[in-house]
Amino acid sequence: MRLSKHLKEDFTDSGVHKEHSPSYHFLVLNLFMSINEFNKNYQLNNSELDSKIYLMQDYLAYIVKLDGTLPLVGDSALENILRIQETQIVNENLLYLKTEGDKGTGFSHYCKGYLDAGVGIDKSGIFNEQNHYFAIFSAFHSNVHKQSDDLSFVLSYDETDYFVDSGKYNFDESDKFRKYIRSTYAHNTIIVDGESYD
């Protein structure tokens, strides 16, 4: 079955989409939730899909910034993910964020490492009035939407982004600006011998 193949091959065991762009993680999550809704309408159960949606929503709860947007990592665009419908949420952390603490159990911890995805997130300052957000990225699973951003990081404090990533520009690989945005020069990372990498 194609769905089962995608569930196994396109995600890390922790539920992070291997394209490393949070916007694509959100896009695929929405597709999977639509498939799940269709299944449930026809009394078709898929525990593998249910489990993956739960994990994907958990990652979404951690990767989302304080203002509800996704960090501009890889080919991500600026979008607010908390527009997700409450009825579609199965993860207690995401439900907690969506309802501003009225529902869900809330986070048991605010720092999380998705080691198999190469992502580390620190939101520990959210509820002790420091209001900082830090995330670091380092993994390679696919060439799709991959940028030269290993070891790059983003940092926000309150509503201000201090260290930002380049995000999506376009998909024209001959465009000089696209080439720049995909290079190490457009990321908060290490550059060796003044060179980017392929």
C-alpha atoms as a PDB file:
ATOM      1  CA  MET A   1       0.000   0.000   0.000  1.00  0.00           C
ATOM      2  CA  ARG A   2       1.396   3.389  -1.020  1.00  0.00           C
ATOM      3  CA  LEU A   3       0.256   5.150   2.149  1.00  0.00           C
ATOM      4  CA  SER A   4       2.025   2.646   4.372  1.00  0.00           C
ATOM      5  CA  LYS A   5       5.188   3.011   2.287  1.00  0.00           C
ATOM      6  CA  HIS A   6       5.139   6.805   2.709  1.00  0.00           C
ATOM      7  CA  LEU A   7       4.495   6.502   6.436  1.00  0.00           C
ATOM      8  CA  LYS A   8       7.589   4.326   6.788  1.00  0.00           C
ATOM      9  CA  GLU A   9       9.988   5.906   4.291  1.00  0.00           C
ATOM     10  CA  ASP A  10       9.231   9.632   4.411  1.00  0.00           C
ATOM     11  CA  PHE A  11       9.396  10.104   8.184  1.00  0.00           C
ATOM     12  CA  THR A  12      11.818   9.542  10.999  1.00  0.00           C
ATOM     13  CA  ASP A  13      10.665   7.196  13.767  1.00  0.00           C
ATOM     14  CA  SER A  14       9.885  10.269  15.884  1.00  0.00           C
ATOM     15  CA  GLY A  15       7.410  11.493  13.244  1.00  0.00           C
ATOM     16  CA  VAL A  16       9.390  14.270  11.547  1.00  0.00           C
ATOM     17  CA  HIS A  17       9.056  14.607   7.774  1.00  0.00           C
ATOM     18  CA  LYS A  18      12.439  14.001   6.150  1.00  0.00           C
ATOM     19  CA  GLU A  19      12.310  17.011   3.816  1.00  0.00           C
ATOM     20  CA  HIS A  20      13.370  19.195   6.769  1.00  0.00           C
ATOM     21  CA  SER A  21      11.070  22.073   5.915  1.00  0.00           C
ATOM     22  CA  PRO A  22       8.491  22.634   8.677  1.00  0.00           C
ATOM     23  CA  SER A  23       6.006  23.952   6.095  1.00  0.00           C
ATOM     24  CA  TYR A  24       6.158  20.642   4.236  1.00  0.00           C
ATOM     25  CA  HIS A  25       5.738  18.751   7.486  1.00  0.00           C
ATOM     26  CA  PHE A  26       2.565  20.785   8.079  1.00  0.00           C
ATOM     27  CA  LEU A  27       1.386  20.276   4.484  1.00  0.00           C
ATOM     28  CA  VAL A  28       1.799  16.503   4.664  1.00  0.00           C
ATOM     29  CA  LEU A  29       0.180  16.425   8.106  1.00  0.00           C
ATOM     30  CA  ASN A  30      -2.890  18.134   6.626  1.00  0.00           C
ATOM     31  CA  LEU A  31      -2.980  15.589   3.809  1.00  0.00           C
ATOM     32  CA  PHE A  32      -2.761  12.706   6.271  1.00  0.00           C
ATOM     33  CA  MET A  33      -5.484  14.188   8.471  1.00  0.00           C
ATOM     34  CA  SER A  34      -7.737  14.416   5.375  1.00  0.00           C
ATOM     35  CA  ILE A  35      -7.045  10.771   4.552  1.00  0.00           C
ATOM     36  CA  ASN A  36      -7.765   9.822   8.152  1.00  0.00           C
ATOM     37  CA  GLU A  37     -11.040  11.753   8.106  1.00  0.00           C
ATOM     38  CA  PHE A  38     -12.025   9.915   4.916  1.00  0.00           C
ATOM     39  CA  ASN A  39     -11.139   6.578   6.521  1.00  0.00           C
ATOM     40  CA  LYS A  40     -13.150   7.274   9.641  1.00  0.00           C
ATOM     41  CA  ASN A  41     -16.138   8.345   7.552  1.00  0.00           C
ATOM     42  CA  TYR A  42     -16.152   4.838   6.055  1.00  0.00           C
ATOM     43  CA  GLN A  43     -15.274   3.067   9.333  1.00  0.00           C
ATOM     44  CA  LEU A  44     -11.791   2.180   8.091  1.00  0.00           C
ATOM     45  CA  ASN A  45      -9.250   2.059  10.907  1.00  0.00           C
ATOM     46  CA  ASN A  46      -5.554   2.623  10.309  1.00  0.00           C
ATOM     47  CA  SER A  47      -3.577   2.553  13.555  1.00  0.00           C
ATOM     48  CA  GLU A  48      -0.316   3.221  11.686  1.00  0.00           C
ATOM     49  CA  LEU A  49      -1.753   6.471  10.299  1.00  0.00           C
ATOM     50  CA  ASP A  50      -3.255   7.413  13.680  1.00  0.00           C
ATOM     51  CA  SER A  51       0.112   6.941  15.366  1.00  0.00           C
ATOM     52  CA  LYS A  52       1.988   8.952  12.734  1.00  0.00           C
ATOM     53  CA  ILE A  53      -0.485  11.849  12.942  1.00  0.00           C
ATOM     54  CA  TYR A  54      -0.051  11.941  16.725  1.00  0.00           C
ATOM     55  CA  LEU A  55       3.751  12.120  16.394  1.00  0.00           C
ATOM     56  CA  MET A  56       3.576  14.690  13.589  1.00  0.00           C
ATOM     57  CA  GLN A  57       1.353  16.915  15.706  1.00  0.00           C
ATOM     58  CA  ASP A  58       3.743  16.565  18.636  1.00  0.00           C
ATOM     59  CA  TYR A  59       6.628  17.790  16.472  1.00  0.00           C
ATOM     60  CA  LEU A  60       4.453  20.633  15.237  1.00  0.00           C
ATOM     61  CA  ALA A  61       3.739  21.662  18.833  1.00  0.00           C
ATOM     62  CA  TYR A  62       7.460  21.902  19.525  1.00  0.00           C
ATOM     63  CA  ILE A  63       8.673  23.432  16.251  1.00  0.00           C
ATOM     64  CA  VAL A  64       6.061  26.215  16.196  1.00  0.00           C
ATOM     65  CA  LYS A  65       7.387  29.582  17.337  1.00  0.00           C
ATOM     66  CA  LEU A  66       5.887  31.723  20.100  1.00  0.00           C
ATOM     67  CA  ASP A  67       3.709  33.664  17.645  1.00  0.00           C
ATOM     68  CA  GLY A  68       2.219  30.493  16.119  1.00  0.00           C
ATOM     69  CA  THR A  69       4.324  30.603  12.955  1.00  0.00           C
ATOM     70  CA  LEU A  70       6.869  28.114  11.700  1.00  0.00           C
ATOM     71  CA  PRO A  71      10.557  29.012  11.516  1.00  0.00           C
ATOM     72  CA  LEU A  72      11.713  29.850   8.000  1.00  0.00           C
ATOM     73  CA  VAL A  73      13.851  26.743   7.696  1.00  0.00           C
ATOM     74  CA  GLY A  74      14.499  25.046   4.363  1.00  0.00           C
ATOM     75  CA  ASP A  75      11.740  25.887   1.900  1.00  0.00           C
ATOM     76  CA  SER A  76       9.273  26.967   4.579  1.00  0.00           C
ATOM     77  CA  ALA A  77       7.051  29.989   4.221  1.00  0.00           C
ATOM     78  CA  LEU A  78       5.692  32.266   6.913  1.00  0.00           C
ATOM     79  CA  GLU A  79       2.389  30.751   7.981  1.00  0.00           C
ATOM     80  CA  ASN A  80       0.452  30.385  11.211  1.00  0.00           C
ATOM     81  CA  ILE A  81      -0.109  26.716  11.986  1.00  0.00           C
ATOM     82  CA  LEU A  82      -2.442  27.319  14.907  1.00  0.00           C
ATOM     83  CA  ARG A  83      -5.200  27.763  12.333  1.00  0.00           C
ATOM     84  CA  ILE A  84      -5.491  23.972  12.434  1.00  0.00           C
ATOM     85  CA  GLN A  85      -9.009  22.939  13.454  1.00  0.00           C
ATOM     86  CA  GLU A  86      -9.336  21.880  17.059  1.00  0.00           C
ATOM     87  CA  THR A  87     -11.391  18.840  16.051  1.00  0.00           C
ATOM     88  CA  GLN A  88      -8.403  17.540  14.051  1.00  0.00           C
ATOM     89  CA  ILE A  89      -5.990  17.674  16.966  1.00  0.00           C
ATOM     90  CA  VAL A  90      -5.130  14.393  18.692  1.00  0.00           C
ATOM     91  CA  ASN A  91      -1.923  15.465  20.443  1.00  0.00           C
ATOM     92  CA  GLU A  92      -2.263  16.991  23.914  1.00  0.00           C
ATOM     93  CA  ASN A  93       0.652  19.431  23.433  1.00  0.00           C
ATOM     94  CA  LEU A  94      -0.735  20.858  20.204  1.00  0.00           C
ATOM     95  CA  LEU A  95      -4.218  21.049  21.733  1.00  0.00           C
ATOM     96  CA  TYR A  96      -2.752  22.964  24.677  1.00  0.00           C
ATOM     97  CA  LEU A  97      -1.215  25.519  22.295  1.00  0.00           C
ATOM     98  CA  LYS A  98      -4.295  25.781  20.096  1.00  0.00           C
ATOM     99  CA  THR A  99      -6.601  26.458  23.063  1.00  0.00           C
ATOM    100  CA  GLU A 100      -4.063  28.651  24.892  1.00  0.00           C
ATOM    101  CA  GLY A 101      -3.961  26.228  27.801  1.00  0.00           C
ATOM    102  CA  ASP A 102      -7.698  25.621  28.176  1.00  0.00           C
ATOM    103  CA  LYS A 103      -7.451  22.023  26.918  1.00  0.00           C
ATOM    104  CA  GLY A 104      -4.750  19.409  26.641  1.00  0.00           C
ATOM    105  CA  THR A 105      -2.310  18.461  29.347  1.00  0.00           C
ATOM    106  CA  GLY A 106       0.391  20.903  28.391  1.00  0.00           C
ATOM    107  CA  PHE A 107       4.081  20.265  27.925  1.00  0.00           C
ATOM    108  CA  SER A 108       5.906  18.023  30.390  1.00  0.00           C
ATOM    109  CA  HIS A 109       9.162  19.641  29.217  1.00  0.00           C
ATOM    110  CA  TYR A 110      10.037  22.486  26.873  1.00  0.00           C
ATOM    111  CA  CYS A 111      13.318  21.268  25.430  1.00  0.00           C
ATOM    112  CA  LYS A 112      13.202  18.394  23.011  1.00  0.00           C
ATOM    113  CA  GLY A 113      15.671  16.685  20.759  1.00  0.00           C
ATOM    114  CA  TYR A 114      14.471  14.815  17.701  1.00  0.00           C
ATOM    115  CA  LEU A 115      17.761  12.993  17.305  1.00  0.00           C
ATOM    116  CA  ASP A 116      16.738  10.900  14.313  1.00  0.00           C
ATOM    117  CA  ALA A 117      15.628  14.095  12.544  1.00  0.00           C
ATOM    118  CA  GLY A 118      18.617  16.197  13.605  1.00  0.00           C
ATOM    119  CA  VAL A 119      16.446  18.850  15.260  1.00  0.00           C
ATOM    120  CA  GLY A 120      16.802  20.352  18.728  1.00  0.00           C
ATOM    121  CA  ILE A 121      14.248  22.801  20.135  1.00  0.00           C
ATOM    122  CA  ASP A 122      14.365  24.900  23.307  1.00  0.00           C
ATOM    123  CA  LYS A 123      11.158  26.669  24.287  1.00  0.00           C
ATOM    124  CA  SER A 124      11.936  26.594  28.023  1.00  0.00           C
ATOM    125  CA  GLY A 125      11.555  30.343  28.315  1.00  0.00           C
ATOM    126  CA  ILE A 126       7.949  30.410  27.133  1.00  0.00           C
ATOM    127  CA  PHE A 127       6.305  30.097  30.515  1.00  0.00           C
ATOM    128  CA  ASN A 128       8.872  31.691  32.806  1.00  0.00           C
ATOM    129  CA  GLU A 129       8.537  35.078  31.111  1.00  0.00           C
ATOM    130  CA  GLN A 130      11.826  34.855  29.214  1.00  0.00           C
ATOM    131  CA  ASN A 131       9.901  34.154  25.998  1.00  0.00           C
ATOM    132  CA  HIS A 132      12.759  32.760  23.966  1.00  0.00           C
ATOM    133  CA  TYR A 133      12.708  30.218  21.163  1.00  0.00           C
ATOM    134  CA  PHE A 134      15.764  28.397  19.885  1.00  0.00           C
ATOM    135  CA  ALA A 135      16.017  25.611  17.316  1.00  0.00           C
ATOM    136  CA  ILE A 136      19.011  23.960  15.660  1.00  0.00           C
ATOM    137  CA  PHE A 137      18.976  21.764  12.570  1.00  0.00           C
ATOM    138  CA  SER A 138      21.462  19.179  11.380  1.00  0.00           C
ATOM    139  CA  ALA A 139      20.449  16.173   9.335  1.00  0.00           C
ATOM    140  CA  PHE A 140      20.416  14.896   5.819  1.00  0.00           C
ATOM    141  CA  HIS A 141      17.697  12.483   4.690  1.00  0.00           C
ATOM    142  CA  SER A 142      16.748  13.740   1.253  1.00  0.00           C
ATOM    143  CA  ASN A 143      17.813  16.141  -1.506  1.00  0.00           C
ATOM    144  CA  VAL A 144      14.220  17.341  -1.769  1.00  0.00           C
ATOM    145  CA  HIS A 145      13.999  20.907  -0.441  1.00  0.00           C
ATOM    146  CA  LYS A 146      17.437  20.447   1.113  1.00  0.00           C
ATOM    147  CA  GLN A 147      19.508  23.547   1.662  1.00  0.00           C
ATOM    148  CA  SER A 148      23.124  23.875   2.838  1.00  0.00           C
ATOM    149  CA  ASP A 149      21.937  24.534   6.358  1.00  0.00           C
ATOM    150  CA  ASP A 150      23.460  21.810   8.526  1.00  0.00           C
ATOM    151  CA  LEU A 151      24.123  23.150  12.038  1.00  0.00           C
ATOM    152  CA  SER A 152      22.063  26.251  11.331  1.00  0.00           C
ATOM    153  CA  PHE A 153      19.932  27.723  14.092  1.00  0.00           C
ATOM    154  CA  VAL A 154      17.184  30.262  14.666  1.00  0.00           C
ATOM    155  CA  LEU A 155      16.623  32.386  17.760  1.00  0.00           C
ATOM    156  CA  SER A 156      13.655  34.545  18.757  1.00  0.00           C
ATOM    157  CA  TYR A 157      12.943  36.580  21.863  1.00  0.00           C
ATOM    158  CA  ASP A 158       9.415  37.840  22.489  1.00  0.00           C
ATOM    159  CA  GLU A 159       8.113  38.891  19.063  1.00  0.00           C
ATOM    160  CA  THR A 160      11.532  39.601  17.553  1.00  0.00           C
ATOM    161  CA  ASP A 161      13.511  37.158  15.425  1.00  0.00           C
ATOM    162  CA  TYR A 162      17.207  37.785  16.074  1.00  0.00           C
ATOM    163  CA  PHE A 163      18.771  34.936  14.107  1.00  0.00           C
ATOM    164  CA  VAL A 164      16.675  33.950  11.114  1.00  0.00           C
ATOM    165  CA  ASP A 165      16.953  31.487   8.287  1.00  0.00           C
ATOM    166  CA  SER A 166      16.273  32.307   4.663  1.00  0.00           C
ATOM    167  CA  GLY A 167      13.118  30.257   4.083  1.00  0.00           C
ATOM    168  CA  LYS A 168      11.497  29.785   0.701  1.00  0.00           C
ATOM    169  CA  TYR A 169      12.330  32.024  -2.229  1.00  0.00           C
ATOM    170  CA  ASN A 170      11.482  30.147  -5.435  1.00  0.00           C
ATOM    171  CA  PHE A 171      12.326  26.833  -7.075  1.00  0.00           C
ATOM    172  CA  ASP A 172      14.232  28.124 -10.103  1.00  0.00           C
ATOM    173  CA  GLU A 173      17.656  26.536  -9.618  1.00  0.00           C
ATOM    174  CA  SER A 174      19.178  28.826 -12.269  1.00  0.00           C
ATOM    175  CA  ASP A 175      18.119  31.945 -10.318  1.00  0.00           C
ATOM    176  CA  LYS A 176      21.182  33.492  -8.624  1.00  0.00           C
ATOM    177  CA  PHE A 177      19.121  34.499  -5.588  1.00  0.00           C
ATOM    178  CA  ARG A 178      17.780  30.942  -5.218  1.00  0.00           C
ATOM    179  CA  LYS A 179      21.356  29.660  -5.377  1.00  0.00           C
ATOM    180  CA  TYR A 180      22.384  32.115  -2.672  1.00  0.00           C
ATOM    181  CA  ILE A 181      19.446  31.254  -0.406  1.00  0.00           C
ATOM    182  CA  ARG A 182      20.254  27.534  -0.626  1.00  0.00           C
ATOM    183  CA  SER A 183      23.946  28.123   0.194  1.00  0.00           C
ATOM    184  CA  THR A 184      25.575  28.261   3.628  1.00  0.00           C
ATOM    185  CA  TYR A 185      25.873  32.044   3.247  1.00  0.00           C
ATOM    186  CA  ALA A 186      22.144  32.481   3.833  1.00  0.00           C
ATOM    187  CA  HIS A 187      22.148  30.394   7.022  1.00  0.00           C
ATOM    188  CA  ASN A 188      23.451  30.725  10.572  1.00  0.00           C
ATOM    189  CA  THR A 189      26.000  27.980  10.211  1.00  0.00           C
ATOM    190  CA  ILE A 190      29.675  27.189   9.771  1.00  0.00           C
ATOM    191  CA  ILE A 191      31.400  28.011   6.494  1.00  0.00           C
ATOM    192  CA  VAL A 192      34.655  26.162   5.827  1.00  0.00           C
ATOM    193  CA  ASP A 193      37.308  27.765   3.605  1.00  0.00           C
ATOM    194  CA  GLY A 194      34.780  30.332   2.368  1.00  0.00           C
ATOM    195  CA  GLU A 195      32.869  27.666   0.445  1.00  0.00           C
ATOM    196  CA  SER A 196      29.301  26.438   0.537  1.00  0.00           C
ATOM    197  CA  TYR A 197      28.587  22.763  -0.044  1.00  0.00           C
ATOM    198  CA  ASP A 198      26.422  20.979  -2.578  1.00  0.00           C
END
